[in-house]
Amino acid sequence: MIRTVATKPFSDQKPGTSGLRKKVPVFEQAHYSENFIQSIFDALDGYRGKTLVIGGDGRYYNREVIQKALRIAAANGFGKVMVGQGGILSTPAASNIIRKYKAFGGIILSASHNPGGPHEDFGIKYNAENGGPAPEKLTDAIFAKSKAIKEYRISDAGEIDIDTLGTSRIEDMTVEVIDPVKDYAELMESLFDFEALRKLFKSGFRMAFDSMHAVTGPYGKEILENRLGAPEGTCRNFKPLPDFGGHHPDPNLVHAKALYDDVMSASGPDFGAASDGDGDRNMIVGKGMFVTPSDSLALLAANAKLAPAYAKGIAGVARSMPTSAAADRVAEKIGVDCYETPTGWKFFGNLLDAGKVTLCGEESFGTGSNHVREKDGLWAVLFWLNVIAARGESVKDIVTKHWATYGRNYYSRHDYEEVESEKADALMRDLRAKLPSLPGTRVRGLTVAKADDFAYHDPVDGSVSEHQGIRVMFEGGARVVFRLSGTGTSGATLRVYMEHYEPDAAKHCIDTQEALADLIAAAEDIAGIRKHTGRDKPSVIT
């Protein structure tokens, strides 16, 4: 039986760059999750009888919202829902399922790299038929519907078994519980030289893959250990837990420090990698070398022809504006275009769909290609393994040779997390007011050449996205970028990016923070971070 339930709007259901993210108790409010899911469907046209994909990263409240989403989908006329077994489906795997089976779209339940638990973070995101995050015009429409909603439709069906593979029904809708790993593993085998990777592991090559008790655990076990023959124990923290084992599932030098320290030790593995809560981010570490996400994108572009799927070359490269220009130098040398977009994977979707780019990446540990429409953590790890196997060199050698060829972009991101929103907004407002007067001024021995508030003009659909981050460019090519992140749920995260290009190979071994010291000081002088936030140092440095 289908019920129509009277409800009232919530004022805070505006999706960010990655859907709607709030604390679990917010989603647990009566009607809150139902309202947002119904608002998604109300903003869509032509879905009746079509297929919807549903899955999540296994965090706390994942299973409960899947049950709600299934019953609301049935009441709204979907013909079929494909749901990951146990409610598990990594974000890139969900994108692949949508594309492979030509689904109408998908609902992904995740708050990505944010903590999980009864009082931590949860999220709901809609992905369109291309497998990518909903474009801004659709998220705007969803928000508009959420502000006017008066009722939602839901089936009275009991709890659906999502742990057993197979099909069942809710009203007139088929529910198919699928293996969350199988299709993704087959996709990876079609992209990379799995036989070369098997030989790599047989040669004694050792790696560690830390899933951080998040969604990529089952994927890593199946692909790395079962299919590629990596020794048992290669995959660490591989059991997805609702609270990620009480840890922060963000693969960076702070939250994955144990992995980093192990790889850097004399007896540690040759290669280390980690992925985040929903499987779309990655960290790459080699013996004696941490690879920044910006460098990783550039290196994969430079070595793309070593992987079977990209052997004929790449169409182009795209990077988010705060990501370093390392990829630009590779694109120029190999003769392809490089596009600079706002932060948010949805901005890469048009470029990928139009065939303008093959590889894309963000400095926030996200890299991907045209195989799906999301960033993909395990894909990046397998790509790196393919490069290592083909070149027969260590990560450190590959990176240092790359710098010798293209120059090194010294680059760092300083995060000031959970800043009071009013203080963060005031900092950005004051910065914008300064922009006209900054060019020509000298700060810490550096001369400002240009300063602006980045606006993106989409070359495919002509849309314009403004206020995407404040850029201060200095003579000689150095720059500082300031932006507020849209991925948190408490306060605001101020992100400050510093970049300095060094062409001289003799100067490529300087400590990053030392090489950027003048820019770090200049960022403080220009923005007054300490004055506005009360913080004398960042929460995280990457």
Protein backbone atom coordinates (compact mmCIF):
# COMPACT_ATOMS: atom_id res chain seq x y z
CA MET A 1 0.00 0.00 0.00
CA ILE A 2 1.25 3.49 -0.87
CA ARG A 3 0.70 6.32 1.58
CA THR A 4 0.84 10.06 1.00
CA VAL A 5 2.34 11.69 4.08
CA ALA A 6 1.78 15.36 4.87
CA THR A 7 4.99 17.22 5.71
CA LYS A 8 6.53 20.65 6.03
CA PRO A 9 9.72 21.97 4.42
CA PHE A 10 13.08 22.13 6.17
CA SER A 11 15.03 25.28 5.37
CA ASP A 12 18.49 23.67 5.31
CA GLN A 13 18.30 21.17 2.47
CA LYS A 14 20.44 22.96 -0.08
CA PRO A 15 22.85 20.45 -1.70
CA GLY A 16 26.53 21.36 -1.79
CA THR A 17 29.18 20.24 -4.27
CA SER A 18 28.61 16.63 -3.14
CA GLY A 19 24.95 16.50 -2.19
CA LEU A 20 23.32 17.18 1.17
CA ARG A 21 25.60 16.60 4.17
CA LYS A 22 24.57 17.00 7.79
CA LYS A 23 25.09 15.32 11.14
CA VAL A 24 23.24 12.03 11.62
CA PRO A 25 20.80 13.47 14.20
CA VAL A 26 19.67 15.98 11.56
CA PHE A 27 18.82 13.21 9.10
CA GLU A 28 17.14 11.25 11.92
CA GLN A 29 14.53 13.98 12.39
CA ALA A 30 11.02 12.90 11.46
CA HIS A 31 10.43 13.38 7.71
CA TYR A 32 13.90 14.92 7.10
CA SER A 33 15.40 12.18 4.92
CA GLU A 34 12.05 11.42 3.32
CA ASN A 35 11.56 15.08 2.38
CA PHE A 36 14.91 15.30 0.65
CA ILE A 37 14.54 12.04 -1.26
CA GLN A 38 11.05 13.06 -2.41
CA SER A 39 12.43 16.46 -3.44
CA ILE A 40 15.00 14.70 -5.63
CA PHE A 41 12.26 12.76 -7.41
CA ASP A 42 10.04 15.85 -7.68
CA ALA A 43 12.87 17.62 -9.52
CA LEU A 44 13.19 14.80 -12.08
CA ASP A 45 11.11 14.06 -15.18
CA GLY A 46 10.53 10.83 -17.08
CA TYR A 47 11.70 8.29 -14.52
CA ARG A 48 8.54 6.21 -14.20
CA GLY A 49 9.31 2.57 -14.99
CA LYS A 50 13.05 3.30 -15.16
CA THR A 51 15.96 1.92 -13.10
CA LEU A 52 17.48 3.63 -10.06
CA VAL A 53 20.77 2.65 -8.39
CA ILE A 54 21.12 2.93 -4.60
CA GLY A 55 24.14 2.29 -2.39
CA GLY A 56 26.43 3.85 0.15
CA ASP A 57 29.68 3.64 2.04
CA GLY A 58 28.34 1.62 4.97
CA ARG A 59 28.49 4.45 7.47
CA TYR A 60 26.07 4.79 10.38
CA TYR A 61 22.44 5.27 9.23
CA ASN A 62 23.22 3.93 5.75
CA ARG A 63 20.95 0.90 5.97
CA GLU A 64 18.03 2.83 7.47
CA VAL A 65 18.01 5.45 4.71
CA ILE A 66 18.31 2.77 2.02
CA GLN A 67 15.07 1.24 3.33
CA LYS A 68 13.37 4.64 3.17
CA ALA A 69 14.71 5.33 -0.33
CA LEU A 70 13.52 1.94 -1.62
CA ARG A 71 9.99 2.50 -0.34
CA ILE A 72 9.83 6.08 -1.65
CA ALA A 73 11.17 5.01 -5.05
CA ALA A 74 8.49 2.33 -5.28
CA ALA A 75 5.77 4.81 -4.35
CA ASN A 76 6.98 7.24 -6.99
CA GLY A 77 6.86 4.74 -9.83
CA PHE A 78 10.40 3.55 -10.48
CA GLY A 79 10.37 0.20 -12.25
CA LYS A 80 13.51 -1.21 -10.68
CA VAL A 81 16.16 -0.42 -8.09
CA MET A 82 19.63 -1.97 -8.11
CA VAL A 83 21.10 -1.87 -4.60
CA GLY A 84 24.53 -2.98 -3.43
CA GLN A 85 24.56 -6.04 -1.18
CA GLY A 86 24.47 -4.96 2.45
CA GLY A 87 23.90 -1.41 1.26
CA ILE A 88 27.53 -1.21 0.12
CA LEU A 89 28.46 0.50 -3.15
CA SER A 90 31.50 2.74 -3.55
CA THR A 91 30.88 6.04 -5.30
CA PRO A 92 32.89 5.11 -8.43
CA ALA A 93 31.29 1.65 -8.48
CA ALA A 94 27.83 3.27 -8.34
CA SER A 95 28.80 5.53 -11.24
CA ASN A 96 29.86 2.46 -13.22
CA ILE A 97 26.61 0.61 -12.45
CA ILE A 98 24.53 3.60 -13.59
CA ARG A 99 26.46 3.78 -16.85
CA LYS A 100 26.80 0.05 -17.54
CA TYR A 101 23.13 -0.76 -17.02
CA LYS A 102 21.83 2.53 -18.45
CA ALA A 103 20.01 3.44 -15.25
CA PHE A 104 18.03 6.66 -14.99
CA GLY A 105 20.25 7.79 -12.10
CA GLY A 106 21.36 6.86 -8.63
CA ILE A 107 21.24 7.83 -4.97
CA ILE A 108 24.58 7.56 -3.17
CA LEU A 109 24.56 7.68 0.62
CA SER A 110 27.86 9.01 1.87
CA ALA A 111 29.66 11.91 3.48
CA SER A 112 32.86 10.88 1.69
CA HIS A 113 35.96 11.37 3.84
CA ASN A 114 34.08 12.78 6.86
CA PRO A 115 33.78 10.80 10.13
CA GLY A 116 30.90 8.39 10.69
CA GLY A 117 28.90 7.40 13.76
CA PRO A 118 25.69 8.23 15.66
CA HIS A 119 26.70 11.87 16.08
CA GLU A 120 28.93 12.25 13.03
CA ASP A 121 28.28 12.87 9.34
CA PHE A 122 25.87 11.50 6.77
CA GLY A 123 25.00 12.50 3.23
CA ILE A 124 22.63 11.93 0.33
CA LYS A 125 23.72 12.66 -3.23
CA TYR A 126 21.94 12.19 -6.56
CA ASN A 127 23.90 11.12 -9.62
CA ALA A 128 22.49 11.62 -13.10
CA GLU A 129 22.25 9.17 -16.01
CA ASN A 130 25.86 9.82 -17.09
CA GLY A 131 26.95 8.47 -13.69
CA GLY A 132 28.15 11.84 -12.46
CA PRO A 133 26.98 14.16 -9.68
CA ALA A 134 23.88 16.17 -10.44
CA PRO A 135 24.71 19.43 -12.25
CA GLU A 136 24.03 22.74 -10.53
CA LYS A 137 20.77 23.35 -12.39
CA LEU A 138 19.42 20.06 -11.00
CA THR A 139 20.66 20.60 -7.44
CA ASP A 140 19.10 24.07 -7.57
CA ALA A 141 15.82 22.47 -8.64
CA ILE A 142 16.03 19.92 -5.82
CA PHE A 143 16.57 22.71 -3.31
CA ALA A 144 13.61 24.64 -4.72
CA LYS A 145 11.38 21.57 -4.36
CA SER A 146 12.60 21.00 -0.79
CA LYS A 147 11.50 24.52 0.18
CA ALA A 148 7.98 23.97 -1.14
CA ILE A 149 7.33 20.31 -0.31
CA LYS A 150 3.97 19.52 1.29
CA GLU A 151 3.86 15.74 1.06
CA TYR A 152 5.86 12.65 0.16
CA ARG A 153 4.79 9.25 -1.12
CA ILE A 154 6.02 6.06 0.53
CA SER A 155 5.17 2.37 0.43
CA ASP A 156 4.05 0.61 3.60
CA ALA A 157 6.08 -2.46 2.63
CA GLY A 158 8.13 -4.04 5.38
CA GLU A 159 11.90 -4.11 5.55
CA ILE A 160 13.54 -5.39 2.38
CA ASP A 161 16.34 -7.96 2.61
CA ILE A 162 19.39 -6.19 1.14
CA ASP A 163 21.89 -8.80 2.32
CA THR A 164 20.92 -11.65 -0.02
CA LEU A 165 21.76 -11.49 -3.73
CA GLY A 166 18.67 -11.75 -5.91
CA THR A 167 15.38 -9.99 -6.60
CA SER A 168 12.25 -9.11 -4.66
CA ARG A 169 9.42 -6.63 -5.08
CA ILE A 170 7.99 -3.54 -3.43
CA GLU A 171 4.61 -2.67 -4.93
CA ASP A 172 5.22 -2.80 -8.71
CA MET A 173 8.97 -2.19 -8.40
CA THR A 174 11.69 -4.84 -8.66
CA VAL A 175 14.52 -4.67 -6.13
CA GLU A 176 17.72 -6.36 -7.32
CA VAL A 177 20.47 -6.85 -4.73
CA ILE A 178 23.77 -6.97 -6.63
CA ASP A 179 27.36 -7.89 -5.86
CA PRO A 180 28.90 -4.45 -5.21
CA VAL A 181 32.38 -5.46 -6.42
CA LYS A 182 31.91 -7.69 -9.50
CA ASP A 183 31.14 -5.10 -12.18
CA TYR A 184 33.76 -2.68 -10.87
CA ALA A 185 36.46 -5.37 -10.79
CA GLU A 186 35.66 -6.33 -14.37
CA LEU A 187 35.93 -2.68 -15.40
CA MET A 188 39.36 -2.35 -13.78
CA GLU A 189 40.56 -5.51 -15.56
CA SER A 190 39.52 -3.95 -18.89
CA LEU A 191 41.59 -0.82 -18.19
CA PHE A 192 44.87 -2.15 -16.81
CA ASP A 193 47.38 -4.90 -17.55
CA PHE A 194 46.41 -7.35 -14.81
CA GLU A 195 48.92 -9.95 -16.02
CA ALA A 196 51.76 -7.45 -15.59
CA LEU A 197 50.48 -6.65 -12.10
CA ARG A 198 50.38 -10.33 -11.19
CA LYS A 199 54.01 -10.63 -12.28
CA LEU A 200 54.87 -7.55 -10.22
CA PHE A 201 53.54 -9.16 -7.04
CA LYS A 202 55.17 -12.50 -7.88
CA SER A 203 58.51 -10.68 -8.14
CA GLY A 204 58.36 -9.85 -4.42
CA PHE A 205 56.98 -6.32 -4.75
CA ARG A 206 55.22 -5.40 -1.51
CA MET A 207 52.42 -2.93 -1.02
CA ALA A 208 49.94 -1.93 1.67
CA PHE A 209 46.43 -0.75 0.87
CA ASP A 210 44.59 0.91 3.75
CA SER A 211 40.81 1.06 3.29
CA MET A 212 40.43 2.87 6.63
CA HIS A 213 37.52 0.57 7.59
CA ALA A 214 35.56 2.15 4.77
CA VAL A 215 33.93 1.04 1.55
CA THR A 216 36.96 -0.01 -0.54
CA GLY A 217 37.84 -2.91 1.78
CA PRO A 218 35.88 -5.53 -0.20
CA TYR A 219 37.09 -4.04 -3.49
CA GLY A 220 40.73 -4.14 -2.42
CA LYS A 221 40.50 -7.71 -1.13
CA GLU A 222 38.90 -8.97 -4.34
CA ILE A 223 41.08 -7.10 -6.83
CA LEU A 224 44.47 -6.86 -5.14
CA GLU A 225 44.59 -10.11 -3.20
CA ASN A 226 42.19 -12.45 -5.01
CA ARG A 227 42.64 -11.39 -8.64
CA LEU A 228 46.18 -9.99 -8.67
CA GLY A 229 47.75 -12.32 -6.14
CA ALA A 230 49.03 -9.75 -3.67
CA PRO A 231 49.88 -11.51 -0.38
CA GLU A 232 47.17 -11.83 2.26
CA GLY A 233 47.53 -8.86 4.58
CA THR A 234 48.20 -6.42 1.73
CA CYS A 235 44.76 -4.96 2.43
CA ARG A 236 44.52 -3.32 5.83
CA ASN A 237 41.46 -2.15 7.75
CA PHE A 238 39.38 -3.79 5.03
CA LYS A 239 36.17 -4.42 6.96
CA PRO A 240 33.70 -1.53 6.47
CA LEU A 241 32.47 -0.27 9.85
CA PRO A 242 29.63 2.19 10.57
CA ASP A 243 32.02 4.47 12.47
CA PHE A 244 35.14 3.66 10.40
CA GLY A 245 36.69 2.18 13.52
CA GLY A 246 36.42 5.52 15.28
CA HIS A 247 38.84 7.09 12.83
CA HIS A 248 38.63 9.83 10.22
CA PRO A 249 38.45 8.05 6.79
CA ASP A 250 40.44 10.73 4.97
CA PRO A 251 43.57 9.41 3.18
CA ASN A 252 46.07 12.15 3.93
CA LEU A 253 49.29 12.57 5.88
CA VAL A 254 47.41 13.21 9.12
CA HIS A 255 44.75 10.50 9.12
CA ALA A 256 46.80 7.88 7.25
CA LYS A 257 50.05 8.64 9.09
CA ALA A 258 50.51 5.03 10.24
CA LEU A 259 50.58 3.87 6.62
CA TYR A 260 52.99 6.65 5.65
CA ASP A 261 55.34 5.84 8.54
CA ASP A 262 55.30 2.16 7.66
CA VAL A 263 56.21 2.73 4.00
CA MET A 264 58.96 5.16 5.01
CA SER A 265 60.49 2.67 7.45
CA ALA A 266 63.44 0.48 6.40
CA SER A 267 61.42 -2.73 6.64
CA GLY A 268 58.16 -1.34 5.27
CA PRO A 269 56.48 -2.12 1.94
CA ASP A 270 57.65 -0.68 -1.37
CA PHE A 271 54.36 1.09 -2.04
CA GLY A 272 51.49 2.35 0.05
CA ALA A 273 48.02 3.57 -0.84
CA ALA A 274 44.87 4.50 1.00
CA SER A 275 41.30 5.33 0.06
CA ASP A 276 38.55 7.22 1.81
CA GLY A 277 35.03 6.67 3.15
CA ASP A 278 33.23 6.21 -0.17
CA GLY A 279 36.20 5.10 -2.26
CA ASP A 280 36.68 8.10 -4.51
CA ARG A 281 39.90 9.52 -3.02
CA ASN A 282 43.41 8.15 -2.87
CA MET A 283 46.79 8.67 -1.26
CA ILE A 284 49.95 7.42 -2.95
CA VAL A 285 53.21 6.84 -1.06
CA GLY A 286 56.43 5.24 -2.26
CA LYS A 287 59.56 4.43 -0.34
CA GLY A 288 61.05 7.83 0.44
CA MET A 289 58.41 9.72 -1.58
CA PHE A 290 54.92 11.02 -0.82
CA VAL A 291 53.17 11.87 -4.09
CA THR A 292 50.98 14.97 -3.94
CA PRO A 293 47.61 14.58 -5.68
CA SER A 294 48.59 17.37 -8.08
CA ASP A 295 51.77 15.57 -9.05
CA SER A 296 49.88 12.28 -9.27
CA LEU A 297 47.54 13.67 -11.93
CA ALA A 298 50.49 15.04 -13.90
CA LEU A 299 52.44 11.79 -13.63
CA LEU A 300 49.52 9.65 -14.73
CA ALA A 301 48.96 11.95 -17.71
CA ALA A 302 52.64 11.75 -18.65
CA ASN A 303 52.62 7.93 -18.37
CA ALA A 304 49.09 7.25 -19.59
CA LYS A 305 50.19 5.24 -22.64
CA LEU A 306 51.62 2.57 -20.34
CA ALA A 307 48.08 1.45 -19.40
CA PRO A 308 46.12 -0.52 -22.05
CA ALA A 309 43.00 1.67 -21.85
CA TYR A 310 44.99 4.83 -22.61
CA ALA A 311 47.63 3.35 -24.93
CA LYS A 312 46.44 5.42 -27.90
CA GLY A 313 46.86 8.66 -25.95
CA ILE A 314 44.55 10.96 -24.04
CA ALA A 315 42.20 13.61 -25.41
CA GLY A 316 42.99 16.18 -22.74
CA VAL A 317 43.41 16.84 -19.03
CA ALA A 318 41.26 18.79 -16.58
CA ARG A 319 42.11 19.97 -13.09
CA SER A 320 40.30 21.99 -10.46
CA MET A 321 41.49 25.57 -10.12
CA PRO A 322 43.22 25.06 -6.73
CA THR A 323 45.12 22.04 -8.07
CA SER A 324 48.70 22.81 -9.05
CA ALA A 325 49.63 23.54 -12.66
CA ALA A 326 51.87 20.45 -12.89
CA ALA A 327 49.36 18.79 -15.23
CA ASP A 328 49.33 21.88 -17.47
CA ARG A 329 53.01 21.38 -18.27
CA VAL A 330 52.44 17.75 -19.22
CA ALA A 331 49.45 18.65 -21.40
CA GLU A 332 51.47 21.30 -23.20
CA LYS A 333 54.33 18.89 -23.88
CA ILE A 334 52.15 16.05 -25.20
CA GLY A 335 50.02 18.48 -27.21
CA VAL A 336 46.59 18.23 -25.57
CA ASP A 337 44.33 20.80 -23.93
CA CYS A 338 44.25 21.35 -20.18
CA TYR A 339 41.09 22.77 -18.61
CA GLU A 340 40.84 24.61 -15.28
CA THR A 341 37.49 24.10 -13.52
CA PRO A 342 35.96 24.92 -10.13
CA THR A 343 36.26 22.36 -7.35
CA GLY A 344 33.59 19.68 -7.61
CA TRP A 345 33.62 16.60 -9.81
CA LYS A 346 30.38 17.60 -11.56
CA PHE A 347 32.35 20.27 -13.45
CA PHE A 348 34.42 17.57 -15.15
CA GLY A 349 31.29 15.75 -16.35
CA ASN A 350 30.58 17.98 -19.35
CA LEU A 351 34.21 17.84 -20.48
CA LEU A 352 34.29 14.04 -20.18
CA ASP A 353 30.93 13.57 -21.91
CA ALA A 354 32.05 15.86 -24.75
CA GLY A 355 35.27 13.88 -25.21
CA LYS A 356 37.43 16.91 -24.48
CA VAL A 357 39.40 15.23 -21.67
CA THR A 358 40.38 11.72 -20.62
CA LEU A 359 42.03 12.33 -17.22
CA CYS A 360 40.99 14.75 -14.52
CA GLY A 361 41.88 15.46 -10.92
CA GLU A 362 41.60 17.59 -7.83
CA GLU A 363 44.22 18.43 -5.25
CA SER A 364 41.98 16.99 -2.52
CA PHE A 365 43.23 13.46 -3.25
CA GLY A 366 40.85 12.81 -6.14
CA THR A 367 41.83 11.51 -9.58
CA GLY A 368 39.79 9.87 -12.32
CA SER A 369 39.23 9.30 -16.02
CA ASN A 370 36.48 8.82 -18.57
CA HIS A 371 35.79 5.25 -17.34
CA VAL A 372 33.22 6.65 -14.86
CA ARG A 373 31.98 10.13 -13.94
CA GLU A 374 33.40 10.25 -10.42
CA LYS A 375 36.88 10.37 -9.01
CA ASP A 376 38.11 6.87 -8.28
CA GLY A 377 40.54 5.95 -5.52
CA LEU A 378 41.27 2.31 -6.34
CA TRP A 379 41.49 3.09 -10.06
CA ALA A 380 44.31 5.56 -9.27
CA VAL A 381 46.10 2.94 -7.18
CA LEU A 382 45.89 0.36 -9.98
CA PHE A 383 47.07 2.95 -12.51
CA TRP A 384 50.13 3.64 -10.35
CA LEU A 385 50.83 -0.09 -10.07
CA ASN A 386 50.55 -0.37 -13.86
CA VAL A 387 53.08 2.45 -14.31
CA ILE A 388 55.47 0.89 -11.77
CA ALA A 389 55.20 -2.51 -13.46
CA ALA A 390 55.75 -1.08 -16.94
CA ARG A 391 58.69 1.14 -15.98
CA GLY A 392 60.34 -1.21 -13.53
CA GLU A 393 61.22 1.75 -11.29
CA SER A 394 60.38 2.87 -7.78
CA VAL A 395 57.88 5.62 -7.07
CA LYS A 396 60.70 7.90 -5.96
CA ASP A 397 62.62 7.39 -9.20
CA ILE A 398 59.52 7.94 -11.32
CA VAL A 399 58.67 11.19 -9.52
CA THR A 400 62.19 12.65 -9.48
CA LYS A 401 62.66 11.89 -13.19
CA HIS A 402 59.32 13.59 -13.88
CA TRP A 403 60.44 16.71 -12.03
CA ALA A 404 63.72 16.73 -13.94
CA THR A 405 61.74 16.73 -17.20
CA TYR A 406 58.89 19.10 -16.36
CA GLY A 407 60.12 21.05 -13.33
CA ARG A 408 58.65 20.82 -9.85
CA ASN A 409 55.53 22.60 -8.68
CA TYR A 410 56.08 23.04 -4.95
CA TYR A 411 52.58 22.90 -3.60
CA SER A 412 50.77 22.69 -0.27
CA ARG A 413 47.26 23.05 1.14
CA HIS A 414 46.62 24.40 4.64
CA ASP A 415 43.18 23.56 6.06
CA TYR A 416 41.60 25.49 8.92
CA GLU A 417 38.74 23.19 9.89
CA GLU A 418 35.49 23.99 11.72
CA VAL A 419 36.01 27.75 11.64
CA GLU A 420 32.91 29.66 12.73
CA SER A 421 31.00 30.31 9.51
CA GLU A 422 30.57 34.01 10.24
CA LYS A 423 34.32 34.46 10.73
CA ALA A 424 35.17 32.52 7.59
CA ASP A 425 32.66 34.51 5.55
CA ALA A 426 34.07 37.77 6.92
CA LEU A 427 37.59 36.75 5.88
CA MET A 428 36.46 36.01 2.33
CA ARG A 429 34.37 39.18 2.17
CA ASP A 430 37.32 41.32 3.23
CA LEU A 431 39.56 39.55 0.71
CA ARG A 432 37.13 40.26 -2.12
CA ALA A 433 37.06 43.91 -1.14
CA LYS A 434 40.87 44.03 -1.39
CA LEU A 435 41.12 42.50 -4.85
CA PRO A 436 41.16 45.75 -6.91
CA SER A 437 44.01 47.22 -4.82
CA LEU A 438 46.28 44.16 -4.65
CA PRO A 439 47.96 44.18 -8.11
CA GLY A 440 51.31 45.95 -7.95
CA THR A 441 51.69 45.64 -4.17
CA ARG A 442 54.68 43.87 -2.62
CA VAL A 443 54.22 41.26 0.08
CA ARG A 444 57.17 39.44 1.67
CA GLY A 445 59.37 40.38 -1.27
CA LEU A 446 56.79 39.16 -3.80
CA THR A 447 54.94 41.43 -6.23
CA VAL A 448 51.26 40.76 -6.88
CA ALA A 449 50.67 40.54 -10.63
CA LYS A 450 46.94 39.74 -10.58
CA ALA A 451 44.15 39.02 -8.12
CA ASP A 452 40.63 37.82 -8.87
CA ASP A 453 37.62 35.79 -7.77
CA PHE A 454 37.67 32.78 -10.08
CA ALA A 455 34.69 32.37 -12.42
CA TYR A 456 34.30 29.39 -14.73
CA HIS A 457 32.76 29.56 -18.19
CA ASP A 458 31.86 26.01 -19.20
CA PRO A 459 33.11 25.44 -22.76
CA VAL A 460 30.46 22.80 -23.40
CA ASP A 461 27.15 24.25 -22.20
CA GLY A 462 28.11 27.90 -21.72
CA SER A 463 27.09 28.01 -18.06
CA VAL A 464 28.93 30.35 -15.70
CA SER A 465 29.94 29.52 -12.11
CA GLU A 466 31.17 32.50 -10.12
CA HIS A 467 32.90 33.01 -6.74
CA GLN A 468 34.83 29.74 -6.96
CA GLY A 469 37.89 30.86 -5.02
CA ILE A 470 40.10 33.91 -4.62
CA ARG A 471 43.40 33.81 -6.53
CA VAL A 472 46.42 35.99 -5.84
CA MET A 473 49.06 35.55 -8.54
CA PHE A 474 52.59 36.87 -8.15
CA GLU A 475 55.20 37.82 -10.68
CA GLY A 476 57.25 34.75 -11.57
CA GLY A 477 54.24 32.42 -11.48
CA ALA A 478 53.77 31.76 -7.76
CA ARG A 479 50.21 31.98 -6.40
CA VAL A 480 48.02 31.70 -3.32
CA VAL A 481 44.38 30.57 -3.46
CA PHE A 482 41.73 30.98 -0.76
CA ARG A 483 38.39 29.16 -0.74
CA LEU A 484 35.81 27.74 1.63
CA SER A 485 35.19 24.02 1.29
CA GLY A 486 31.67 22.69 0.85
CA THR A 487 32.35 19.16 2.13
CA GLY A 488 32.09 19.64 5.89
CA THR A 489 29.07 19.66 8.19
CA SER A 490 30.32 21.82 11.09
CA GLY A 491 31.23 25.45 10.58
CA ALA A 492 33.43 26.16 7.58
CA THR A 493 36.75 24.84 6.37
CA LEU A 494 39.08 27.54 5.06
CA ARG A 495 41.50 26.11 2.53
CA VAL A 496 44.61 28.01 1.57
CA TYR A 497 46.74 26.76 -1.32
CA MET A 498 50.32 27.83 -2.05
CA GLU A 499 52.19 27.05 -5.25
CA HIS A 500 55.66 27.88 -6.55
CA TYR A 501 57.19 26.49 -9.76
CA GLU A 502 60.87 25.51 -9.68
CA PRO A 503 62.46 24.51 -13.02
CA ASP A 504 65.97 23.94 -11.58
CA ALA A 505 66.45 20.23 -10.77
CA ALA A 506 69.20 21.17 -8.31
CA LYS A 507 66.50 22.82 -6.15
CA HIS A 508 63.97 19.96 -6.21
CA CYS A 509 64.93 18.45 -2.86
CA ILE A 510 63.98 21.35 -0.60
CA ASP A 511 61.35 20.66 2.07
CA THR A 512 57.99 21.78 0.70
CA GLN A 513 57.01 24.01 3.63
CA GLU A 514 60.47 25.61 3.54
CA ALA A 515 60.26 26.21 -0.21
CA LEU A 516 56.84 27.86 0.28
CA ALA A 517 57.70 29.82 3.45
CA ASP A 518 57.45 33.24 1.80
CA LEU A 519 54.10 32.37 0.20
CA ILE A 520 52.74 31.02 3.49
CA ALA A 521 53.70 34.27 5.22
CA ALA A 522 52.27 36.30 2.33
CA ALA A 523 48.94 34.46 2.61
CA GLU A 524 48.71 35.43 6.28
CA ASP A 525 49.60 39.05 5.52
CA ILE A 526 47.04 39.33 2.72
CA ALA A 527 44.11 37.53 4.35
CA GLY A 528 44.67 38.12 8.07
CA ILE A 529 43.90 34.48 8.84
CA ARG A 530 44.95 34.72 12.47
CA LYS A 531 42.96 37.91 13.02
CA HIS A 532 39.78 36.55 11.45
CA THR A 533 39.82 32.97 12.73
CA GLY A 534 41.87 33.12 15.92
CA ARG A 535 43.95 30.21 14.58
CA ASP A 536 47.74 30.47 14.62
CA LYS A 537 48.23 27.31 12.57
CA PRO A 538 46.21 25.09 10.22
CA SER A 539 44.39 21.93 11.36
CA VAL A 540 45.84 19.88 8.52
CA ILE A 541 48.76 20.46 6.15
CA THR A 542 49.00 18.43 2.94
